[in-house]
């Protein structure tokens, strides 16, 4: 019996072919686990970069928009409400701080997601499990028979031929 591609299947495969196949599959498994670890680390790095970008944006908004936005907003509030100009400047500053706080909260959310990610730990645990399986799958030497003891298969052949 053969597979559609002509390779032997089941009992037709020799021990060497089975071992070569198992070795190739284990190699593929290790490569796949490494690729998984890279993908999960890439995702964590993206989350960290998003977090850093949000923190940077919060700082930039707070720093660069304060002068112009404060003047425009303060004079707009004064025109609309006839309040004291100092109170109007404080309100415009509070609005800028509120925007910066929202951006900082977005950064915190993404930082926590990146910190909670267990991707690398899962891959490490999977690699350890694979290593344990490989250690158990090593061929063990056959027990040596005493010199006076003949294996059962040889005894059966000897009895049937006599």
N, C-alpha and C. Protein backbone atom coordinates (compact mmCIF):
# COMPACT_ATOMS: atom_id res chain seq x y z
N UNK A 1 0.84 -1.16 0.00
CA UNK A 1 0.00 0.00 0.00
C UNK A 1 0.89 1.23 0.00
N UNK A 2 0.52 2.24 -0.80
CA UNK A 2 1.30 3.46 -0.90
C UNK A 2 0.37 4.66 -0.80
N UNK A 3 0.96 5.76 -0.43
CA UNK A 3 0.22 7.02 -0.41
C UNK A 3 0.05 7.48 -1.85
N UNK A 4 -0.83 8.44 -2.10
CA UNK A 4 -1.02 8.92 -3.47
C UNK A 4 0.27 9.42 -4.12
N UNK A 5 1.22 9.89 -3.32
CA UNK A 5 2.47 10.37 -3.90
C UNK A 5 3.49 9.26 -4.09
N UNK A 6 3.14 8.02 -3.77
CA UNK A 6 4.03 6.89 -3.99
C UNK A 6 4.89 6.53 -2.80
N UNK A 7 4.82 7.31 -1.73
CA UNK A 7 5.64 6.98 -0.56
C UNK A 7 4.99 5.87 0.24
N UNK A 8 5.78 5.03 0.89
CA UNK A 8 5.22 3.92 1.65
C UNK A 8 4.43 4.41 2.86
N UNK A 9 3.41 3.64 3.24
CA UNK A 9 2.55 4.01 4.36
C UNK A 9 2.53 2.88 5.36
N UNK A 10 2.41 3.23 6.64
CA UNK A 10 2.20 2.24 7.68
C UNK A 10 3.36 1.29 7.85
N UNK A 11 3.06 0.00 7.75
CA UNK A 11 4.05 -1.03 8.03
C UNK A 11 5.16 -1.08 6.98
N UNK A 12 4.93 -0.50 5.81
CA UNK A 12 5.94 -0.54 4.76
C UNK A 12 7.11 0.40 5.04
N UNK A 13 6.94 1.35 5.93
CA UNK A 13 8.01 2.30 6.23
C UNK A 13 9.00 1.66 7.20
N UNK A 14 10.25 1.87 6.93
CA UNK A 14 11.28 1.31 7.81
C UNK A 14 11.42 2.19 9.05
N UNK A 15 12.14 1.66 10.03
CA UNK A 15 12.35 2.42 11.26
C UNK A 15 13.13 3.69 10.96
N UNK A 16 14.08 3.60 10.06
CA UNK A 16 14.85 4.78 9.67
C UNK A 16 13.97 5.85 9.05
N UNK A 17 13.03 5.43 8.18
CA UNK A 17 12.11 6.39 7.58
C UNK A 17 11.20 7.00 8.64
N UNK A 18 10.72 6.18 9.56
CA UNK A 18 9.87 6.70 10.63
C UNK A 18 10.63 7.69 11.50
N UNK A 19 11.87 7.36 11.82
CA UNK A 19 12.68 8.25 12.65
C UNK A 19 12.97 9.55 11.90
N UNK A 20 13.28 9.46 10.61
CA UNK A 20 13.54 10.65 9.81
C UNK A 20 12.29 11.52 9.74
N UNK A 21 11.14 10.88 9.57
CA UNK A 21 9.87 11.62 9.52
C UNK A 21 9.59 12.30 10.86
N UNK A 22 9.81 11.58 11.95
CA UNK A 22 9.57 12.16 13.28
C UNK A 22 10.53 13.32 13.53
N UNK A 23 11.78 13.17 13.12
CA UNK A 23 12.76 14.24 13.29
C UNK A 23 12.35 15.47 12.49
N UNK A 24 11.92 15.27 11.26
CA UNK A 24 11.49 16.40 10.43
C UNK A 24 10.27 17.09 11.03
N UNK A 25 9.33 16.30 11.55
CA UNK A 25 8.13 16.89 12.15
C UNK A 25 8.47 17.65 13.43
N UNK A 26 9.39 17.14 14.23
CA UNK A 26 9.79 17.85 15.45
C UNK A 26 10.53 19.13 15.09
N UNK A 27 11.34 19.08 14.05
CA UNK A 27 12.03 20.28 13.59
C UNK A 27 11.02 21.33 13.13
N UNK A 28 10.01 20.88 12.39
CA UNK A 28 8.97 21.81 11.94
C UNK A 28 8.21 22.38 13.13
N UNK A 29 7.95 21.54 14.15
CA UNK A 29 7.26 22.01 15.35
C UNK A 29 8.07 23.09 16.06
N UNK A 30 9.36 22.87 16.19
CA UNK A 30 10.22 23.86 16.85
C UNK A 30 10.23 25.16 16.04
N UNK A 31 10.34 25.07 14.72
CA UNK A 31 10.33 26.26 13.88
C UNK A 31 8.99 27.00 14.01
N UNK A 32 7.89 26.25 14.04
CA UNK A 32 6.57 26.87 14.19
C UNK A 32 6.43 27.56 15.54
N UNK A 33 6.95 26.95 16.59
CA UNK A 33 6.87 27.57 17.92
C UNK A 33 7.72 28.83 17.98
N UNK A 34 8.85 28.82 17.31
CA UNK A 34 9.68 30.03 17.26
C UNK A 34 8.95 31.13 16.49
N UNK A 35 8.30 30.76 15.38
CA UNK A 35 7.54 31.74 14.61
C UNK A 35 6.39 32.30 15.45
N UNK A 36 5.73 31.44 16.23
CA UNK A 36 4.66 31.90 17.11
C UNK A 36 5.19 32.89 18.14
N UNK A 37 6.34 32.57 18.73
CA UNK A 37 6.93 33.48 19.72
C UNK A 37 7.26 34.83 19.09
N UNK A 38 7.79 34.81 17.87
CA UNK A 38 8.10 36.06 17.18
C UNK A 38 6.84 36.87 16.92
N UNK A 39 5.77 36.20 16.49
CA UNK A 39 4.51 36.90 16.22
C UNK A 39 3.94 37.51 17.48
N UNK A 40 4.00 36.77 18.58
CA UNK A 40 3.46 37.30 19.84
C UNK A 40 4.32 38.46 20.35
N UNK A 41 5.62 38.35 20.21
CA UNK A 41 6.48 39.46 20.62
C UNK A 41 6.26 40.68 19.75
N UNK A 42 6.03 40.46 18.47
CA UNK A 42 5.76 41.56 17.55
C UNK A 42 4.49 42.30 17.99
N UNK A 43 3.46 41.53 18.39
CA UNK A 43 2.21 42.13 18.85
C UNK A 43 2.45 42.94 20.13
N UNK A 44 3.24 42.39 21.04
CA UNK A 44 3.54 43.12 22.28
C UNK A 44 4.32 44.40 21.99
N UNK A 45 5.23 44.34 21.05
CA UNK A 45 6.00 45.53 20.69
C UNK A 45 5.08 46.58 20.07
N UNK A 46 4.13 46.14 19.23
CA UNK A 46 3.19 47.09 18.64
C UNK A 46 2.35 47.77 19.71
N UNK A 47 1.89 46.99 20.70
CA UNK A 47 1.11 47.59 21.79
C UNK A 47 1.96 48.58 22.58
N UNK A 48 3.20 48.21 22.83
CA UNK A 48 4.10 49.12 23.54
C UNK A 48 4.36 50.39 22.75
N UNK A 49 4.53 50.24 21.44
CA UNK A 49 4.75 51.41 20.60
C UNK A 49 3.51 52.30 20.56
N UNK A 50 2.33 51.69 20.51
CA UNK A 50 1.09 52.46 20.54
C UNK A 50 0.98 53.22 21.85
N UNK A 51 1.32 52.55 22.93
CA UNK A 51 1.30 53.19 24.25
C UNK A 51 2.27 54.37 24.29
N UNK A 52 3.47 54.15 23.82
CA UNK A 52 4.46 55.23 23.79
C UNK A 52 4.03 56.37 22.90
N UNK A 53 3.42 56.04 21.78
CA UNK A 53 2.92 57.08 20.88
C UNK A 53 1.81 57.89 21.51
N UNK A 54 0.92 57.22 22.24
CA UNK A 54 -0.17 57.94 22.91
C UNK A 54 0.38 58.85 24.00
N UNK A 55 1.37 58.35 24.76
CA UNK A 55 1.98 59.21 25.78
C UNK A 55 2.69 60.40 25.13
N UNK A 56 3.38 60.16 24.04
CA UNK A 56 4.06 61.25 23.34
C UNK A 56 3.07 62.26 22.80
N UNK A 57 1.97 61.77 22.23
CA UNK A 57 0.94 62.66 21.71
C UNK A 57 0.33 63.49 22.84
N UNK A 58 0.12 62.86 23.99
CA UNK A 58 -0.43 63.60 25.14
C UNK A 58 0.52 64.72 25.54
N UNK A 59 1.79 64.42 25.59
CA UNK A 59 2.76 65.45 25.95
C UNK A 59 2.85 66.55 24.91
N UNK A 60 2.82 66.16 23.64
CA UNK A 60 2.91 67.16 22.58
C UNK A 60 1.68 68.07 22.57
N UNK A 61 0.50 67.47 22.76
CA UNK A 61 -0.72 68.28 22.79
C UNK A 61 -0.66 69.27 23.94
N UNK A 62 -0.26 68.78 25.08
CA UNK A 62 -0.21 69.65 26.25
C UNK A 62 0.83 70.76 26.07
N UNK A 63 1.95 70.42 25.51
CA UNK A 63 3.04 71.39 25.40
C UNK A 63 2.82 72.42 24.28
N UNK A 64 2.52 71.94 23.09
CA UNK A 64 2.48 72.85 21.95
C UNK A 64 1.14 73.57 21.75
N UNK A 65 0.08 73.00 22.25
CA UNK A 65 -1.22 73.64 22.01
C UNK A 65 -1.61 74.63 23.08
N UNK A 66 -0.94 74.59 24.20
CA UNK A 66 -1.34 75.47 25.29
C UNK A 66 -1.30 76.96 24.94
N UNK A 67 -0.24 77.47 24.40
CA UNK A 67 -0.24 78.92 24.16
C UNK A 67 -1.34 79.40 23.22
N UNK A 68 -1.43 78.80 22.04
CA UNK A 68 -2.42 79.28 21.08
C UNK A 68 -3.84 78.96 21.51
N UNK A 69 -4.04 77.73 21.96
CA UNK A 69 -5.39 77.35 22.36
C UNK A 69 -5.85 78.13 23.58
N UNK A 70 -4.95 78.40 24.49
CA UNK A 70 -5.33 79.16 25.68
C UNK A 70 -5.77 80.58 25.31
N UNK A 71 -5.01 81.21 24.45
CA UNK A 71 -5.41 82.57 24.05
C UNK A 71 -6.74 82.56 23.31
N UNK A 72 -6.85 81.67 22.33
CA UNK A 72 -8.09 81.65 21.53
C UNK A 72 -9.29 81.28 22.38
N UNK A 73 -9.14 80.27 23.20
CA UNK A 73 -10.25 79.82 24.03
C UNK A 73 -10.60 80.85 25.10
N UNK A 74 -9.59 81.45 25.71
CA UNK A 74 -9.85 82.44 26.76
C UNK A 74 -10.59 83.66 26.20
N UNK A 75 -10.13 84.15 25.06
CA UNK A 75 -10.82 85.31 24.48
C UNK A 75 -12.21 84.93 23.97
N UNK A 76 -12.36 83.68 23.49
CA UNK A 76 -13.69 83.24 23.08
C UNK A 76 -14.65 83.14 24.25
N UNK A 77 -14.18 82.60 25.38
CA UNK A 77 -15.03 82.50 26.57
C UNK A 77 -15.38 83.91 27.08
N UNK A 78 -14.40 84.81 27.07
CA UNK A 78 -14.65 86.18 27.54
C UNK A 78 -15.69 86.86 26.66
N UNK A 79 -15.60 86.66 25.35
CA UNK A 79 -16.57 87.27 24.45
C UNK A 79 -17.96 86.69 24.69
N UNK A 80 -18.02 85.40 24.93
CA UNK A 80 -19.31 84.72 25.09
C UNK A 80 -19.95 85.01 26.45
N UNK A 81 -19.12 85.11 27.53
CA UNK A 81 -19.68 85.17 28.88
C UNK A 81 -19.44 86.48 29.62
N UNK A 82 -18.55 87.32 29.15
CA UNK A 82 -18.17 88.55 29.85
C UNK A 82 -17.58 88.29 31.23
N UNK A 83 -16.91 87.14 31.39
CA UNK A 83 -16.23 86.84 32.65
C UNK A 83 -14.87 87.53 32.65
N UNK A 84 -14.24 87.49 33.81
CA UNK A 84 -12.90 88.04 33.95
C UNK A 84 -11.95 87.25 33.04
N UNK A 85 -10.98 87.94 32.43
CA UNK A 85 -10.06 87.30 31.49
C UNK A 85 -9.22 86.21 32.16
N UNK A 86 -8.85 86.37 33.40
CA UNK A 86 -8.06 85.36 34.12
C UNK A 86 -8.85 84.07 34.27
N UNK A 87 -10.13 84.16 34.59
CA UNK A 87 -10.97 82.97 34.71
C UNK A 87 -11.08 82.27 33.36
N UNK A 88 -11.19 83.04 32.31
CA UNK A 88 -11.28 82.45 30.96
C UNK A 88 -9.99 81.71 30.60
N UNK A 89 -8.83 82.26 30.98
CA UNK A 89 -7.57 81.56 30.72
C UNK A 89 -7.48 80.27 31.53
N UNK A 90 -7.95 80.27 32.76
CA UNK A 90 -7.96 79.05 33.57
C UNK A 90 -8.86 77.98 32.95
N UNK A 91 -10.00 78.36 32.44
CA UNK A 91 -10.90 77.40 31.80
C UNK A 91 -10.27 76.81 30.54
N UNK A 92 -9.60 77.63 29.76
CA UNK A 92 -8.96 77.10 28.54
C UNK A 92 -7.81 76.15 28.91
N UNK A 93 -7.07 76.47 29.96
CA UNK A 93 -6.02 75.56 30.43
C UNK A 93 -6.62 74.24 30.89
N UNK A 94 -7.72 74.29 31.62
CA UNK A 94 -8.38 73.07 32.10
C UNK A 94 -8.83 72.20 30.92
N UNK A 95 -9.30 72.81 29.85
CA UNK A 95 -9.72 72.03 28.68
C UNK A 95 -8.52 71.31 28.06
N UNK A 96 -7.38 71.98 27.99
CA UNK A 96 -6.17 71.34 27.45
C UNK A 96 -5.69 70.21 28.35
N UNK A 97 -5.76 70.40 29.65
CA UNK A 97 -5.36 69.34 30.58
C UNK A 97 -6.29 68.14 30.42
N UNK A 98 -7.58 68.39 30.23
CA UNK A 98 -8.54 67.30 30.04
C UNK A 98 -8.20 66.46 28.80
N UNK A 99 -7.84 67.11 27.70
CA UNK A 99 -7.45 66.38 26.49
C UNK A 99 -6.18 65.56 26.76
N UNK A 100 -5.22 66.13 27.46
CA UNK A 100 -3.99 65.41 27.77
C UNK A 100 -4.26 64.21 28.67
N UNK A 101 -5.18 64.35 29.62
CA UNK A 101 -5.52 63.23 30.51
C UNK A 101 -6.17 62.10 29.72
N UNK A 102 -7.05 62.43 28.79
CA UNK A 102 -7.69 61.38 27.97
C UNK A 102 -6.63 60.63 27.16
N UNK A 103 -5.71 61.35 26.56
CA UNK A 103 -4.65 60.68 25.79
C UNK A 103 -3.74 59.85 26.70
N UNK A 104 -3.47 60.33 27.90
CA UNK A 104 -2.65 59.55 28.84
C UNK A 104 -3.38 58.28 29.25
N UNK A 105 -4.70 58.36 29.44
CA UNK A 105 -5.48 57.16 29.79
C UNK A 105 -5.44 56.13 28.67
N UNK A 106 -5.51 56.60 27.43
CA UNK A 106 -5.38 55.68 26.29
C UNK A 106 -4.01 55.00 26.33
N UNK A 107 -2.97 55.76 26.63
CA UNK A 107 -1.63 55.19 26.75
C UNK A 107 -1.55 54.17 27.87
N UNK A 108 -2.19 54.43 28.99
CA UNK A 108 -2.18 53.49 30.12
C UNK A 108 -2.89 52.20 29.74
N UNK A 109 -4.02 52.30 29.05
CA UNK A 109 -4.76 51.10 28.65
C UNK A 109 -3.89 50.21 27.76
N UNK A 110 -3.23 50.79 26.77
CA UNK A 110 -2.38 49.99 25.88
C UNK A 110 -1.15 49.45 26.61
N UNK A 111 -0.62 50.21 27.56
CA UNK A 111 0.53 49.73 28.32
C UNK A 111 0.14 48.52 29.17
N UNK A 112 -1.04 48.55 29.76
CA UNK A 112 -1.50 47.42 30.57
C UNK A 112 -1.75 46.20 29.70
N UNK A 113 -2.30 46.39 28.50
CA UNK A 113 -2.51 45.26 27.59
C UNK A 113 -1.18 44.63 27.21
N UNK A 114 -0.18 45.45 26.95
CA UNK A 114 1.13 44.92 26.58
C UNK A 114 1.77 44.20 27.77
N UNK A 115 1.54 44.69 28.97
CA UNK A 115 2.13 44.08 30.16
C UNK A 115 1.44 42.77 30.51
N UNK A 116 0.12 42.67 30.27
CA UNK A 116 -0.64 41.47 30.61
C UNK A 116 -0.40 40.33 29.64
N UNK A 117 0.08 40.64 28.47
CA UNK A 117 0.24 39.62 27.44
C UNK A 117 1.11 38.48 27.94
N UNK A 118 0.63 37.26 27.79
CA UNK A 118 1.35 36.07 28.24
C UNK A 118 1.89 35.28 27.06
N UNK A 119 1.97 35.91 25.88
CA UNK A 119 2.42 35.20 24.70
C UNK A 119 3.77 34.53 24.85
N UNK A 120 4.82 35.26 25.22
CA UNK A 120 6.13 34.62 25.35
C UNK A 120 6.16 33.53 26.42
N UNK A 121 5.41 33.73 27.51
CA UNK A 121 5.38 32.71 28.56
C UNK A 121 4.70 31.44 28.06
N UNK A 122 3.63 31.59 27.27
CA UNK A 122 2.94 30.41 26.73
C UNK A 122 3.86 29.64 25.79
N UNK A 123 4.57 30.37 24.95
CA UNK A 123 5.47 29.71 24.00
C UNK A 123 6.60 29.01 24.75
N UNK A 124 7.13 29.65 25.79
CA UNK A 124 8.20 29.02 26.58
C UNK A 124 7.70 27.74 27.23
N UNK A 125 6.48 27.76 27.76
CA UNK A 125 5.91 26.56 28.38
C UNK A 125 5.72 25.46 27.33
N UNK A 126 5.26 25.84 26.15
CA UNK A 126 5.07 24.86 25.08
C UNK A 126 6.40 24.25 24.65
N UNK A 127 7.44 25.09 24.58
CA UNK A 127 8.76 24.58 24.21
C UNK A 127 9.27 23.61 25.27
N UNK A 128 9.01 23.91 26.55
CA UNK A 128 9.44 23.01 27.62
C UNK A 128 8.71 21.68 27.52
N UNK A 129 7.41 21.72 27.21
CA UNK A 129 6.65 20.48 27.04
C UNK A 129 7.22 19.66 25.89
N UNK A 130 7.55 20.33 24.79
CA UNK A 130 8.13 19.62 23.65
C UNK A 130 9.46 18.99 24.03
N UNK A 131 10.26 19.71 24.81
CA UNK A 131 11.55 19.17 25.23
C UNK A 131 11.37 17.94 26.11
N UNK A 132 10.36 17.97 26.99
CA UNK A 132 10.09 16.81 27.85
C UNK A 132 9.69 15.62 26.99
N UNK A 133 8.84 15.85 26.00
CA UNK A 133 8.41 14.76 25.12
C UNK A 133 9.60 14.20 24.36
N UNK A 134 10.47 15.08 23.87
CA UNK A 134 11.64 14.61 23.14
C UNK A 134 12.58 13.82 24.04
N UNK A 135 12.72 14.23 25.28
CA UNK A 135 13.59 13.49 26.19
C UNK A 135 13.04 12.10 26.46
N UNK A 136 11.74 11.99 26.55
CA UNK A 136 11.13 10.68 26.80
C UNK A 136 11.14 9.81 25.55
N UNK A 137 11.24 10.43 24.37
CA UNK A 137 11.17 9.67 23.13
C UNK A 137 12.53 9.14 22.68
N UNK A 138 13.57 9.41 23.42
CA UNK A 138 14.89 8.92 23.04
C UNK A 138 14.90 7.40 23.10
N UNK A 139 15.57 6.77 22.13
CA UNK A 139 15.64 5.31 22.18
C UNK A 139 16.47 4.86 23.37
N UNK A 140 16.00 3.84 24.02
CA UNK A 140 16.70 3.29 25.17
C UNK A 140 17.43 2.02 24.74
N UNK A 141 18.59 1.76 25.30
CA UNK A 141 19.30 0.53 24.93
C UNK A 141 18.51 -0.69 25.38
N UNK A 142 18.62 -1.74 24.58
CA UNK A 142 17.93 -2.99 24.92
C UNK A 142 18.59 -3.61 26.14
N UNK A 143 17.78 -4.24 26.98
CA UNK A 143 18.40 -4.92 28.12
C UNK A 143 19.22 -6.11 27.61
N UNK A 144 20.37 -6.27 28.20
CA UNK A 144 21.22 -7.38 27.79
C UNK A 144 20.73 -8.67 28.42
N UNK A 145 20.69 -9.73 27.62
CA UNK A 145 20.26 -11.03 28.10
C UNK A 145 21.44 -11.77 28.70
N UNK A 146 21.19 -12.57 29.69
CA UNK A 146 22.29 -13.40 30.22
C UNK A 146 22.84 -14.30 29.11
N UNK A 147 24.09 -14.66 29.22
CA UNK A 147 24.74 -15.46 28.19
C UNK A 147 24.05 -16.81 27.99
N UNK A 148 23.52 -17.40 29.04
CA UNK A 148 22.89 -18.71 28.91
C UNK A 148 21.43 -18.61 28.45
N UNK A 149 20.89 -17.42 28.39
CA UNK A 149 19.49 -17.23 28.02
C UNK A 149 19.40 -16.92 26.53
N UNK A 150 18.54 -17.64 25.82
CA UNK A 150 18.33 -17.43 24.40
C UNK A 150 16.95 -16.77 24.23
N UNK A 151 16.81 -15.74 23.40
CA UNK A 151 15.51 -15.10 23.22
C UNK A 151 14.45 -16.09 22.75
N UNK A 152 13.17 -15.78 23.11
CA UNK A 152 12.05 -16.68 22.79
C UNK A 152 11.90 -16.90 21.29
N UNK A 153 12.13 -15.87 20.51
CA UNK A 153 11.96 -16.00 19.06
C UNK A 153 12.94 -17.01 18.49
N UNK A 154 14.17 -16.99 18.99
CA UNK A 154 15.17 -17.95 18.50
C UNK A 154 14.80 -19.35 18.95
N UNK A 155 14.31 -19.48 20.20
CA UNK A 155 13.89 -20.80 20.69
C UNK A 155 12.76 -21.36 19.84
N UNK A 156 11.80 -20.50 19.48
CA UNK A 156 10.66 -20.96 18.68
C UNK A 156 11.11 -21.42 17.31
N UNK A 157 12.03 -20.71 16.70
CA UNK A 157 12.54 -21.10 15.39
C UNK A 157 13.31 -22.40 15.51
N UNK A 158 14.10 -22.53 16.57
CA UNK A 158 14.90 -23.74 16.76
C UNK A 158 13.99 -24.95 16.98
N UNK A 159 12.89 -24.79 17.74
CA UNK A 159 11.98 -25.91 17.98
C UNK A 159 11.25 -26.31 16.71
N UNK A 160 10.83 -25.32 15.91
CA UNK A 160 10.04 -25.65 14.72
C UNK A 160 10.88 -26.28 13.62
N UNK A 161 12.17 -26.03 13.60
CA UNK A 161 13.00 -26.59 12.54
C UNK A 161 13.53 -27.97 12.89
N UNK A 162 13.43 -28.40 14.14
CA UNK A 162 13.97 -29.70 14.49
C UNK A 162 12.98 -30.81 14.36
